[in-house]
C-alpha atoms as a PDB file:
ATOM      1  CA  UNK A   1     -32.677  38.861  11.513  1.00  0.00           C
ATOM      2  CA  UNK A   2     -29.338  40.470  10.485  1.00  0.00           C
ATOM      3  CA  UNK A   3     -28.078  40.247  14.053  1.00  0.00           C
ATOM      4  CA  UNK A   4     -28.962  36.542  14.327  1.00  0.00           C
ATOM      5  CA  UNK A   5     -27.404  35.853  10.900  1.00  0.00           C
ATOM      6  CA  UNK A   6     -24.159  37.570  11.902  1.00  0.00           C
ATOM      7  CA  UNK A   7     -24.185  35.605  15.173  1.00  0.00           C
ATOM      8  CA  UNK A   8     -24.544  32.360  13.221  1.00  0.00           C
ATOM      9  CA  UNK A   9     -21.674  33.327  10.915  1.00  0.00           C
ATOM     10  CA  UNK A  10     -19.483  34.195  13.884  1.00  0.00           C
ATOM     11  CA  UNK A  11     -20.336  30.871  15.543  1.00  0.00           C
ATOM     12  CA  UNK A  12     -19.537  28.985  12.325  1.00  0.00           C
ATOM     13  CA  UNK A  13     -16.171  30.764  12.026  1.00  0.00           C
ATOM     14  CA  UNK A  14     -15.314  29.959  15.627  1.00  0.00           C
ATOM     15  CA  UNK A  15     -16.215  26.298  15.106  1.00  0.00           C
ATOM     16  CA  UNK A  16     -14.112  26.108  11.944  1.00  0.00           C
ATOM     17  CA  UNK A  17     -11.178  27.763  13.657  1.00  0.00           C
ATOM     18  CA  UNK A  18     -11.286  25.145  16.410  1.00  0.00           C
ATOM     19  CA  UNK A  19     -11.712  22.203  14.030  1.00  0.00           C
ATOM     20  CA  UNK A  20      -8.637  20.043  13.623  1.00  0.00           C
ATOM     21  CA  UNK A  21      -6.994  20.172  10.218  1.00  0.00           C
ATOM     22  CA  UNK A  22      -7.210  17.006   8.156  1.00  0.00           C
ATOM     23  CA  UNK A  23      -4.285  14.670   8.713  1.00  0.00           C
ATOM     24  CA  UNK A  24      -1.478  14.887   6.182  1.00  0.00           C
ATOM     25  CA  UNK A  25       0.298  11.945   4.623  1.00  0.00           C
ATOM     26  CA  UNK A  26       3.886  11.386   5.639  1.00  0.00           C
ATOM     27  CA  UNK A  27       6.651   9.044   4.574  1.00  0.00           C
ATOM     28  CA  UNK A  28       7.123   5.957   6.728  1.00  0.00           C
ATOM     29  CA  UNK A  29      10.455   4.293   7.444  1.00  0.00           C
ATOM     30  CA  UNK A  30       8.987   1.036   6.095  1.00  0.00           C
ATOM     31  CA  UNK A  31       7.707   2.581   2.834  1.00  0.00           C
ATOM     32  CA  UNK A  32       9.162   0.694  -0.108  1.00  0.00           C
ATOM     33  CA  UNK A  33       9.514   2.789  -3.262  1.00  0.00           C
ATOM     34  CA  UNK A  34       9.777   1.550  -6.838  1.00  0.00           C
ATOM     35  CA  UNK A  35      11.066   4.196  -9.238  1.00  0.00           C
ATOM     36  CA  UNK A  36      12.826   7.541  -9.075  1.00  0.00           C
ATOM     37  CA  UNK A  37      12.283   9.675  -5.982  1.00  0.00           C
ATOM     38  CA  UNK A  38      11.723  12.790  -8.121  1.00  0.00           C
ATOM     39  CA  UNK A  39       9.106  11.220 -10.433  1.00  0.00           C
ATOM     40  CA  UNK A  40       6.272  13.722 -11.045  1.00  0.00           C
ATOM     41  CA  UNK A  41       3.494  11.196 -10.361  1.00  0.00           C
ATOM     42  CA  UNK A  42       3.294   9.400  -7.016  1.00  0.00           C
ATOM     43  CA  UNK A  43       1.231   6.228  -6.815  1.00  0.00           C
ATOM     44  CA  UNK A  44       0.638   4.795  -3.349  1.00  0.00           C
ATOM     45  CA  UNK A  45      -0.775   1.275  -3.413  1.00  0.00           C
ATOM     46  CA  UNK A  46      -2.565  -0.024  -0.340  1.00  0.00           C
ATOM     47  CA  UNK A  47      -2.704  -3.786  -0.740  1.00  0.00           C
ATOM     48  CA  UNK A  48      -3.069  -7.031   1.174  1.00  0.00           C
ATOM     49  CA  UNK A  49      -0.973 -10.050   0.215  1.00  0.00           C
ATOM     50  CA  UNK A  50      -4.025 -12.294   0.670  1.00  0.00           C
ATOM     51  CA  UNK A  51      -6.155 -10.137  -1.648  1.00  0.00           C
ATOM     52  CA  UNK A  52      -6.944 -11.857  -4.964  1.00  0.00           C
ATOM     53  CA  UNK A  53      -7.548  -8.534  -6.747  1.00  0.00           C
ATOM     54  CA  UNK A  54      -4.197  -7.188  -5.519  1.00  0.00           C
ATOM     55  CA  UNK A  55      -2.485 -10.293  -6.888  1.00  0.00           C
ATOM     56  CA  UNK A  56      -4.223  -9.863 -10.243  1.00  0.00           C
ATOM     57  CA  UNK A  57      -3.068  -6.234 -10.427  1.00  0.00           C
ATOM     58  CA  UNK A  58       0.530  -7.208  -9.648  1.00  0.00           C
ATOM     59  CA  UNK A  59       0.565 -10.098 -12.106  1.00  0.00           C
ATOM     60  CA  UNK A  60      -1.392  -8.534 -14.993  1.00  0.00           C
ATOM     61  CA  UNK A  61      -1.047  -4.737 -14.761  1.00  0.00           C
ATOM     62  CA  UNK A  62       2.130  -3.880 -12.871  1.00  0.00           C
ATOM     63  CA  UNK A  63       4.625  -5.217 -15.463  1.00  0.00           C
ATOM     64  CA  UNK A  64       3.370  -2.764 -18.156  1.00  0.00           C
ATOM     65  CA  UNK A  65       2.979  -0.001 -15.584  1.00  0.00           C
ATOM     66  CA  UNK A  66       6.588  -0.528 -14.514  1.00  0.00           C
ATOM     67  CA  UNK A  67       7.900  -0.630 -18.086  1.00  0.00           C
ATOM     68  CA  UNK A  68       5.983   2.407 -19.403  1.00  0.00           C
ATOM     69  CA  UNK A  69       5.692   4.691 -16.374  1.00  0.00           C
ATOM     70  CA  UNK A  70       7.999   3.706 -13.511  1.00  0.00           C
ATOM     71  CA  UNK A  71      11.160   2.689 -15.372  1.00  0.00           C
ATOM     72  CA  UNK A  72      10.859   5.783 -17.593  1.00  0.00           C
ATOM     73  CA  UNK A  73      10.794   8.120 -14.562  1.00  0.00           C
ATOM     74  CA  UNK A  74       7.235   9.355 -15.143  1.00  0.00           C
ATOM     75  CA  UNK A  75       5.873   7.786 -11.941  1.00  0.00           C
ATOM     76  CA  UNK A  76       6.965   6.097  -8.747  1.00  0.00           C
ATOM     77  CA  UNK A  77       5.096   3.454  -6.754  1.00  0.00           C
ATOM     78  CA  UNK A  78       5.032   3.363  -2.967  1.00  0.00           C
ATOM     79  CA  UNK A  79       3.827   0.030  -1.652  1.00  0.00           C
ATOM     80  CA  UNK A  80       1.918   0.093   1.638  1.00  0.00           C
ATOM     81  CA  UNK A  81       0.627  -3.027   3.324  1.00  0.00           C
ATOM     82  CA  UNK A  82      -3.039  -3.109   4.236  1.00  0.00           C
ATOM     83  CA  UNK A  83      -3.275  -6.622   5.720  1.00  0.00           C
ATOM     84  CA  UNK A  84      -6.756  -8.079   6.197  1.00  0.00           C
ATOM     85  CA  UNK A  85      -5.698 -11.117   8.220  1.00  0.00           C
ATOM     86  CA  UNK A  86      -2.778 -12.715  10.077  1.00  0.00           C
ATOM     87  CA  UNK A  87      -1.446 -14.447   6.940  1.00  0.00           C
ATOM     88  CA  UNK A  88      -1.286 -11.116   5.088  1.00  0.00           C
ATOM     89  CA  UNK A  89       0.544  -9.655   8.111  1.00  0.00           C
ATOM     90  CA  UNK A  90       3.039 -12.539   8.106  1.00  0.00           C
ATOM     91  CA  UNK A  91       3.705 -12.258   4.369  1.00  0.00           C
ATOM     92  CA  UNK A  92       4.164  -8.468   4.650  1.00  0.00           C
ATOM     93  CA  UNK A  93       6.596  -8.880   7.548  1.00  0.00           C
ATOM     94  CA  UNK A  94       8.689 -11.464   5.690  1.00  0.00           C
ATOM     95  CA  UNK A  95       8.795  -9.216   2.613  1.00  0.00           C
ATOM     96  CA  UNK A  96      10.009  -6.274   4.730  1.00  0.00           C
ATOM     97  CA  UNK A  97      12.651  -8.413   6.427  1.00  0.00           C
ATOM     98  CA  UNK A  98      14.029  -9.423   3.029  1.00  0.00           C
ATOM     99  CA  UNK A  99      15.601  -5.956   2.658  1.00  0.00           C
ATOM    100  CA  UNK A 100      16.500  -5.065  -0.924  1.00  0.00           C
ATOM    101  CA  UNK A 101      14.587  -8.115  -2.184  1.00  0.00           C
ATOM    102  CA  UNK A 102      11.281  -6.634  -0.952  1.00  0.00           C
ATOM    103  CA  UNK A 103       9.635  -6.234  -4.370  1.00  0.00           C
ATOM    104  CA  UNK A 104      10.925  -9.644  -5.497  1.00  0.00           C
ATOM    105  CA  UNK A 105       9.291 -11.229  -2.444  1.00  0.00           C
ATOM    106  CA  UNK A 106       6.039  -9.302  -3.024  1.00  0.00           C
ATOM    107  CA  UNK A 107       5.975 -10.385  -6.664  1.00  0.00           C
ATOM    108  CA  UNK A 108       6.673 -14.008  -5.737  1.00  0.00           C
ATOM    109  CA  UNK A 109       4.030 -14.058  -2.993  1.00  0.00           C
ATOM    110  CA  UNK A 110       1.409 -12.713  -5.396  1.00  0.00           C
ATOM    111  CA  UNK A 111       2.366 -15.057  -8.244  1.00  0.00           C
ATOM    112  CA  UNK A 112       2.136 -18.066  -5.916  1.00  0.00           C
ATOM    113  CA  UNK A 113      -0.710 -16.731  -3.747  1.00  0.00           C
ATOM    114  CA  UNK A 114      -3.176 -19.484  -4.606  1.00  0.00           C
ATOM    115  CA  UNK A 115      -0.670 -22.192  -3.660  1.00  0.00           C
ATOM    116  CA  UNK A 116       0.588 -20.912  -0.301  1.00  0.00           C
ATOM    117  CA  UNK A 117      -2.685 -19.405   0.851  1.00  0.00           C
ATOM    118  CA  UNK A 118      -4.702 -22.557   0.216  1.00  0.00           C
ATOM    119  CA  UNK A 119      -2.140 -25.003   1.519  1.00  0.00           C
ATOM    120  CA  UNK A 120      -2.809 -26.977   4.693  1.00  0.00           C
ATOM    121  CA  UNK A 121      -0.082 -24.963   6.446  1.00  0.00           C
ATOM    122  CA  UNK A 122       0.067 -21.547   4.759  1.00  0.00           C
ATOM    123  CA  UNK A 123       2.672 -20.134   7.153  1.00  0.00           C
ATOM    124  CA  UNK A 124       5.038 -23.032   6.481  1.00  0.00           C
ATOM    125  CA  UNK A 125       4.450 -22.573   2.740  1.00  0.00           C
ATOM    126  CA  UNK A 126       5.378 -18.880   3.080  1.00  0.00           C
ATOM    127  CA  UNK A 127       8.560 -19.824   4.922  1.00  0.00           C
ATOM    128  CA  UNK A 128       9.471 -22.260   2.126  1.00  0.00           C
ATOM    129  CA  UNK A 129       9.107 -19.476  -0.425  1.00  0.00           C
ATOM    130  CA  UNK A 130      11.218 -17.226   1.815  1.00  0.00           C
ATOM    131  CA  UNK A 131      13.873 -19.937   2.003  1.00  0.00           C
ATOM    132  CA  UNK A 132      14.017 -20.056  -1.811  1.00  0.00           C
ATOM    133  CA  UNK A 133      14.581 -16.280  -1.675  1.00  0.00           C
ATOM    134  CA  UNK A 134      17.548 -16.700   0.670  1.00  0.00           C
ATOM    135  CA  UNK A 135      15.826 -16.230   4.041  1.00  0.00           C
ATOM    136  CA  UNK A 136      16.459 -19.163   6.361  1.00  0.00           C
ATOM    137  CA  UNK A 137      13.856 -20.541   8.841  1.00  0.00           C
ATOM    138  CA  UNK A 138      15.508 -18.901  11.867  1.00  0.00           C
ATOM    139  CA  UNK A 139      15.595 -15.513  10.136  1.00  0.00           C
ATOM    140  CA  UNK A 140      11.935 -15.882   9.107  1.00  0.00           C
ATOM    141  CA  UNK A 141      10.891 -16.836  12.657  1.00  0.00           C
ATOM    142  CA  UNK A 142      12.816 -13.904  14.125  1.00  0.00           C
ATOM    143  CA  UNK A 143      11.168 -11.600  11.608  1.00  0.00           C
ATOM    144  CA  UNK A 144       7.680 -12.862  12.473  1.00  0.00           C
ATOM    145  CA  UNK A 145       8.326 -12.087  16.159  1.00  0.00           C
ATOM    146  CA  UNK A 146       9.266  -8.464  15.419  1.00  0.00           C
ATOM    147  CA  UNK A 147       6.499  -6.564  17.218  1.00  0.00           C
ATOM    148  CA  UNK A 148       7.995  -3.183  16.266  1.00  0.00           C
ATOM    149  CA  UNK A 149       7.677  -4.017  12.565  1.00  0.00           C
ATOM    150  CA  UNK A 150       4.131  -5.355  12.988  1.00  0.00           C
ATOM    151  CA  UNK A 151       3.088  -2.259  14.960  1.00  0.00           C
ATOM    152  CA  UNK A 152       4.521  -0.007  12.231  1.00  0.00           C
ATOM    153  CA  UNK A 153       2.637  -1.932   9.523  1.00  0.00           C
ATOM    154  CA  UNK A 154      -0.626  -1.667  11.456  1.00  0.00           C
ATOM    155  CA  UNK A 155      -0.124   2.015  12.342  1.00  0.00           C
ATOM    156  CA  UNK A 156       0.465   2.808   8.671  1.00  0.00           C
ATOM    157  CA  UNK A 157      -2.686   0.857   7.764  1.00  0.00           C
ATOM    158  CA  UNK A 158      -4.658   2.913  10.296  1.00  0.00           C
ATOM    159  CA  UNK A 159      -3.218   6.104   8.799  1.00  0.00           C
ATOM    160  CA  UNK A 160      -4.436   5.005   5.350  1.00  0.00           C
ATOM    161  CA  UNK A 161      -7.933   4.604   6.763  1.00  0.00           C
ATOM    162  CA  UNK A 162      -7.869   8.020   8.432  1.00  0.00           C
ATOM    163  CA  UNK A 163      -6.197  10.074   5.708  1.00  0.00           C
ATOM    164  CA  UNK A 164      -7.550   8.502   2.529  1.00  0.00           C
ATOM    165  CA  UNK A 165     -10.554   6.503   3.755  1.00  0.00           C
ATOM    166  CA  UNK A 166      -9.008   3.240   2.538  1.00  0.00           C
ATOM    167  CA  UNK A 167     -11.475   0.428   3.201  1.00  0.00           C
ATOM    168  CA  UNK A 168     -10.771  -1.992   0.360  1.00  0.00           C
ATOM    169  CA  UNK A 169      -7.808  -3.389  -1.531  1.00  0.00           C
ATOM    170  CA  UNK A 170      -6.255  -2.550  -3.759  1.00  0.00           C
ATOM    171  CA  UNK A 171      -6.677   1.194  -3.267  1.00  0.00           C
ATOM    172  CA  UNK A 172      -4.380   3.532  -5.158  1.00  0.00           C
ATOM    173  CA  UNK A 173      -3.587   7.110  -4.206  1.00  0.00           C
ATOM    174  CA  UNK A 174      -2.530   8.919  -7.368  1.00  0.00           C
ATOM    175  CA  UNK A 175      -1.008  12.307  -6.522  1.00  0.00           C
ATOM    176  CA  UNK A 176      -3.253  12.478  -3.453  1.00  0.00           C
ATOM    177  CA  UNK A 177      -6.496  11.219  -5.034  1.00  0.00           C
ATOM    178  CA  UNK A 178      -7.897   7.827  -3.988  1.00  0.00           C
ATOM    179  CA  UNK A 179      -8.962   5.303  -6.621  1.00  0.00           C
ATOM    180  CA  UNK A 180     -10.289   1.921  -5.462  1.00  0.00           C
ATOM    181  CA  UNK A 181     -10.338  -1.441  -7.151  1.00  0.00           C
ATOM    182  CA  UNK A 182      -8.224  -3.542  -9.459  1.00  0.00           C
ATOM    183  CA  UNK A 183      -7.520  -1.836 -12.797  1.00  0.00           C
ATOM    184  CA  UNK A 184      -6.268  -3.186 -16.110  1.00  0.00           C
ATOM    185  CA  UNK A 185      -3.291  -1.430 -17.664  1.00  0.00           C
ATOM    186  CA  UNK A 186      -5.247   0.752 -20.106  1.00  0.00           C
ATOM    187  CA  UNK A 187      -7.553   2.050 -17.345  1.00  0.00           C
ATOM    188  CA  UNK A 188      -4.615   2.747 -15.059  1.00  0.00           C
ATOM    189  CA  UNK A 189      -2.580   4.455 -17.774  1.00  0.00           C
ATOM    190  CA  UNK A 190      -5.559   6.700 -18.500  1.00  0.00           C
ATOM    191  CA  UNK A 191      -5.683   7.761 -14.836  1.00  0.00           C
ATOM    192  CA  UNK A 192      -1.978   8.556 -14.916  1.00  0.00           C
ATOM    193  CA  UNK A 193      -2.219  10.448 -18.201  1.00  0.00           C
ATOM    194  CA  UNK A 194      -4.861  12.705 -16.613  1.00  0.00           C
ATOM    195  CA  UNK A 195      -2.226  13.827 -14.078  1.00  0.00           C
ATOM    196  CA  UNK A 196      -0.138  15.317 -16.867  1.00  0.00           C
ATOM    197  CA  UNK A 197      -2.878  17.669 -18.100  1.00  0.00           C
END
């Protein structure tokens, strides 16, 4: 009995030694960060620009979160696209191609989501919004043909699935811990306050 138990333990140790370590998160060149780099709390938001709940979070919760946590240096937000469909991919690509206006584009896309997403020609509606933001039609078309950018967006999405088990949007990673679903400000602030304990 003792011999077989020790054999089982040895086998278990050998299996564990050969098991691959869980994947670690890493910064991506396309990560867009809101807030100070040295903020003690890191919030990663996985979101799709065609997700109604993501839009509600951005419109209703993010302004207070920005004012009370991000602008004060207590937290930073890293936005990561998790597109569910081609329109979400297109909107994410246009936002990335806008450069320093990234968060302005994201905010505008979410605030006008119902209009552009439900229009007869959603892609053309997106391009019109981009034009208002200073991105001409040729620049938008060139952006939408950027396979390197699209591949990076999709690879980062796949990483979110593997590392954090992201399978819905919005999903927030708060200092490494995944929290799914749209949250109002009070609920979100409570989650952040728990990080300070």
